[in-house]
Each structure stands twice: as C-alpha cells, then as structure tokens.
Amino acid sequence: MISKEDYITPKTGIRIRYVGAVDIEKLWKDMRKWFNKYNYDFWEKDHTIKELDKGTEIVAHWVAEREIDDYVKFVIEVKFTFERLKKVNGKMEGTYILIFFSYLNLDYRKKWQRNRFYKFLFFLYNNYIINRKIQGIYEAKLYDELMDVYELFKNKLKE
C-alpha cells in the first residue's frame, strides 16, 4: 500500500563505504552542481566537524527536494560520516560512509490530510486511481535520478 512517504530505497538506505583519499571540496561542489542541474532545492540539515585523536570526523545530512506537480515531490537525502580524516597530498584520507534515502512525498501540501474522510480518499486515490502512475512514472524517474547521483558519488570517491 502506498502511504504519504513512498520509499524508493529500503528504509535503511543504500550505503557506500570507501577507504582512501578524497578531495572533499570538489566532492561538495560536484554534488551541489548535480542537485542544481536537476532543479532540486537543496540544504544541509546538519553538519558537524570534530577533531579527535584518530583524526577529523565530519558528519553531515543533506536534503534535496523537487516539486514535480501539485501532489508529488521527489526527496533525496544523503547522510555522510567521514572518519579518521588526515590531510595527504591535498586530499583527505580516511573512511567515508554515505547513506542515500529517497522517497516520493505525496500530498506534500497536505490538502488530503484534513480529516479521516479526506485521508480515506487519499488512500483510495494513491492505491487505486493513480497507483500505476506513481509506480510506473514517478518511482521509476526518482529511482533513475537516485542511481545517477549515487554513481556520481561513487565515481568521485575513487578519483
């Protein structure tokens, strides 16, 4: 059954783990370019930097949203944990863990959430009237975009 947040990824997300050296500044810039190219509203929900005995630790949480129409919004979230970072030859060497989440935010303007009757209509509309459109068009498009940004991250980590 389709609910208000229709997840494309598993609820635990899709994970990348990489150990090596990365140009973090270039990674950030390229990611921002990608979200701008696809017209996502993008912001950092969280960003902390800690200096620890084993090196620098960076934890960040990015959220990107794009309104598709009056009813559907694409959401991509990326949670970063960079551990044991040390500067080596202009890059940061360490352990990089990235987790991607993606879902459709249905009825993001909350027009169908006013009362129980509207919520029932919301359920009928999503699961019987536009079910094929949600699964065949919206989910497929968001999945393609998620895989595109996922591959970009993977490739940037290995540069």
Protein backbone atom coordinates (compact mmCIF):
# COMPACT_ATOMS: atom_id res chain seq x y z
CA MET A 1 0.00 0.00 0.00
CA ILE A 2 1.22 3.45 -0.88
CA SER A 3 1.47 5.90 2.01
CA LYS A 4 2.36 9.59 2.27
CA GLU A 5 6.07 8.84 2.01
CA ASP A 6 6.59 6.23 -0.69
CA TYR A 7 10.17 4.99 -0.24
CA ILE A 8 12.21 4.07 -3.31
CA THR A 9 15.14 2.88 -1.19
CA PRO A 10 14.93 0.49 1.73
CA LYS A 11 14.18 2.37 4.96
CA THR A 12 17.80 1.76 5.99
CA GLY A 13 19.02 3.41 2.77
CA ILE A 14 21.65 2.48 0.20
CA ARG A 15 25.19 2.58 1.58
CA ILE A 16 28.62 3.36 0.14
CA ARG A 17 31.72 2.68 2.23
CA TYR A 18 35.08 3.79 0.92
CA VAL A 19 38.54 3.95 2.47
CA GLY A 20 41.03 6.20 0.73
CA ALA A 21 41.87 9.79 -0.18
CA VAL A 22 39.19 12.18 -1.47
CA ASP A 23 39.12 15.84 -2.47
CA ILE A 24 36.16 16.75 -0.22
CA GLU A 25 35.80 20.31 -1.55
CA LYS A 26 35.48 19.01 -5.12
CA LEU A 27 33.02 16.36 -3.97
CA TRP A 28 30.79 19.01 -2.30
CA LYS A 29 30.93 21.27 -5.38
CA ASP A 30 30.09 18.48 -7.80
CA MET A 31 27.17 17.34 -5.65
CA ARG A 32 25.74 20.85 -5.46
CA LYS A 33 26.07 21.14 -9.25
CA TRP A 34 24.17 17.88 -9.70
CA PHE A 35 21.29 18.99 -7.45
CA ASN A 36 21.13 22.37 -9.20
CA LYS A 37 21.19 20.73 -12.64
CA TYR A 38 18.12 18.66 -11.72
CA ASN A 39 16.35 21.65 -10.09
CA TYR A 40 16.35 20.32 -6.55
CA ASP A 41 16.00 22.67 -3.60
CA PHE A 42 18.98 21.65 -1.55
CA TRP A 43 20.13 22.34 2.01
CA GLU A 44 22.32 20.95 4.74
CA LYS A 45 20.17 19.77 7.60
CA ASP A 46 23.15 19.00 9.81
CA HIS A 47 26.92 19.49 9.66
CA THR A 48 29.43 18.86 12.45
CA ILE A 49 33.20 18.67 12.45
CA LYS A 50 35.10 17.14 15.37
CA GLU A 51 38.82 16.93 15.92
CA LEU A 52 39.54 13.56 17.54
CA ASP A 53 42.71 11.67 18.46
CA LYS A 54 42.34 9.41 15.42
CA GLY A 55 41.75 12.34 13.03
CA THR A 56 38.96 14.64 11.96
CA GLU A 57 35.35 13.43 11.85
CA ILE A 58 32.72 15.08 9.65
CA VAL A 59 29.03 14.21 9.95
CA ALA A 60 26.55 15.83 7.56
CA HIS A 61 22.96 15.35 6.41
CA TRP A 62 21.81 16.77 3.09
CA VAL A 63 18.21 17.05 1.95
CA ALA A 64 17.17 17.76 -1.63
CA GLU A 65 13.56 18.20 -2.76
CA ARG A 66 11.96 18.85 -6.12
CA GLU A 67 8.29 19.58 -6.72
CA ILE A 68 7.06 17.52 -9.65
CA ASP A 69 3.46 18.75 -9.59
CA ASP A 70 0.90 19.93 -7.02
CA TYR A 71 0.77 16.47 -5.50
CA VAL A 72 4.20 14.82 -5.79
CA LYS A 73 7.61 15.90 -4.52
CA PHE A 74 10.86 13.96 -5.02
CA VAL A 75 13.11 13.76 -1.95
CA ILE A 76 16.72 12.57 -1.83
CA GLU A 77 18.61 12.57 1.46
CA VAL A 78 22.29 11.80 1.92
CA LYS A 79 23.88 11.16 5.31
CA PHE A 80 27.66 11.39 5.43
CA THR A 81 30.09 10.13 8.04
CA PHE A 82 33.73 10.79 7.28
CA GLU A 83 36.07 9.33 9.92
CA ARG A 84 39.80 9.34 10.69
CA LEU A 85 40.47 12.09 8.17
CA LYS A 86 44.04 13.26 7.71
CA LYS A 87 45.32 15.61 5.03
CA VAL A 88 47.56 13.83 2.49
CA ASN A 89 48.74 15.48 -0.76
CA GLY A 90 45.89 18.00 -0.81
CA LYS A 91 43.21 15.35 -0.23
CA MET A 92 41.60 13.99 2.91
CA GLU A 93 42.42 10.35 3.58
CA GLY A 94 40.08 8.35 5.77
CA THR A 95 36.92 6.27 5.91
CA TYR A 96 33.85 7.55 4.04
CA ILE A 97 30.36 6.24 4.73
CA LEU A 98 27.44 7.64 2.74
CA ILE A 99 23.83 6.54 3.08
CA PHE A 100 21.23 7.52 0.48
CA PHE A 101 17.50 7.69 1.12
CA SER A 102 14.88 8.52 -1.47
CA TYR A 103 11.12 8.75 -1.43
CA LEU A 104 8.11 10.37 -3.01
CA ASN A 105 6.38 12.84 -0.73
CA LEU A 106 2.74 12.51 -1.77
CA ASP A 107 0.28 15.29 -0.94
CA TYR A 108 3.12 17.45 0.35
CA ARG A 109 0.74 20.42 0.54
CA LYS A 110 -1.46 18.38 2.93
CA LYS A 111 -4.71 19.00 1.09
CA TRP A 112 -5.84 15.41 1.71
CA GLN A 113 -4.86 15.26 5.39
CA ARG A 114 -7.59 17.45 6.92
CA ASN A 115 -9.73 14.73 8.49
CA ARG A 116 -10.38 10.99 8.41
CA PHE A 117 -12.64 11.17 5.36
CA TYR A 118 -10.01 13.01 3.32
CA LYS A 119 -7.35 10.56 4.49
CA PHE A 120 -9.56 7.72 3.27
CA LEU A 121 -9.89 9.45 -0.12
CA PHE A 122 -6.10 9.94 -0.12
CA PHE A 123 -5.68 6.19 0.40
CA LEU A 124 -8.11 5.36 -2.44
CA TYR A 125 -6.55 7.90 -4.78
CA ASN A 126 -2.98 6.63 -4.25
CA ASN A 127 -3.68 2.92 -4.21
CA TYR A 128 -6.37 2.59 -6.88
CA ILE A 129 -6.67 5.69 -9.06
CA ILE A 130 -3.08 6.83 -9.69
CA ASN A 131 -1.26 3.72 -8.50
CA ARG A 132 0.14 2.92 -11.95
CA LYS A 133 1.32 6.49 -12.46
CA ILE A 134 3.05 6.52 -9.07
CA GLN A 135 4.79 3.18 -9.62
CA GLY A 136 5.35 3.38 -13.37
CA ILE A 137 6.39 7.00 -13.78
CA TYR A 138 7.23 8.76 -10.51
CA GLU A 139 9.02 5.90 -8.75
CA ALA A 140 10.95 4.98 -11.90
CA LYS A 141 12.07 8.58 -12.54
CA LEU A 142 13.16 9.13 -8.95
CA TYR A 143 14.98 5.79 -8.92
CA ASP A 144 16.88 6.79 -12.09
CA GLU A 145 17.86 10.13 -10.55
CA LEU A 146 18.91 8.47 -7.29
CA MET A 147 21.11 5.98 -9.15
CA ASP A 148 22.63 8.83 -11.16
CA VAL A 149 23.64 10.78 -8.04
CA TYR A 150 24.72 7.55 -6.31
CA GLU A 151 27.05 6.68 -9.23
CA LEU A 152 28.39 10.24 -9.26
CA PHE A 153 29.31 9.93 -5.57
CA LYS A 154 30.88 6.52 -6.12
CA ASN A 155 32.97 7.78 -9.02
CA LYS A 156 34.02 10.98 -7.19
CA LEU A 157 35.22 8.97 -4.21
CA LYS A 158 37.51 6.92 -6.44
CA GLU A 159 39.03 9.88 -8.37
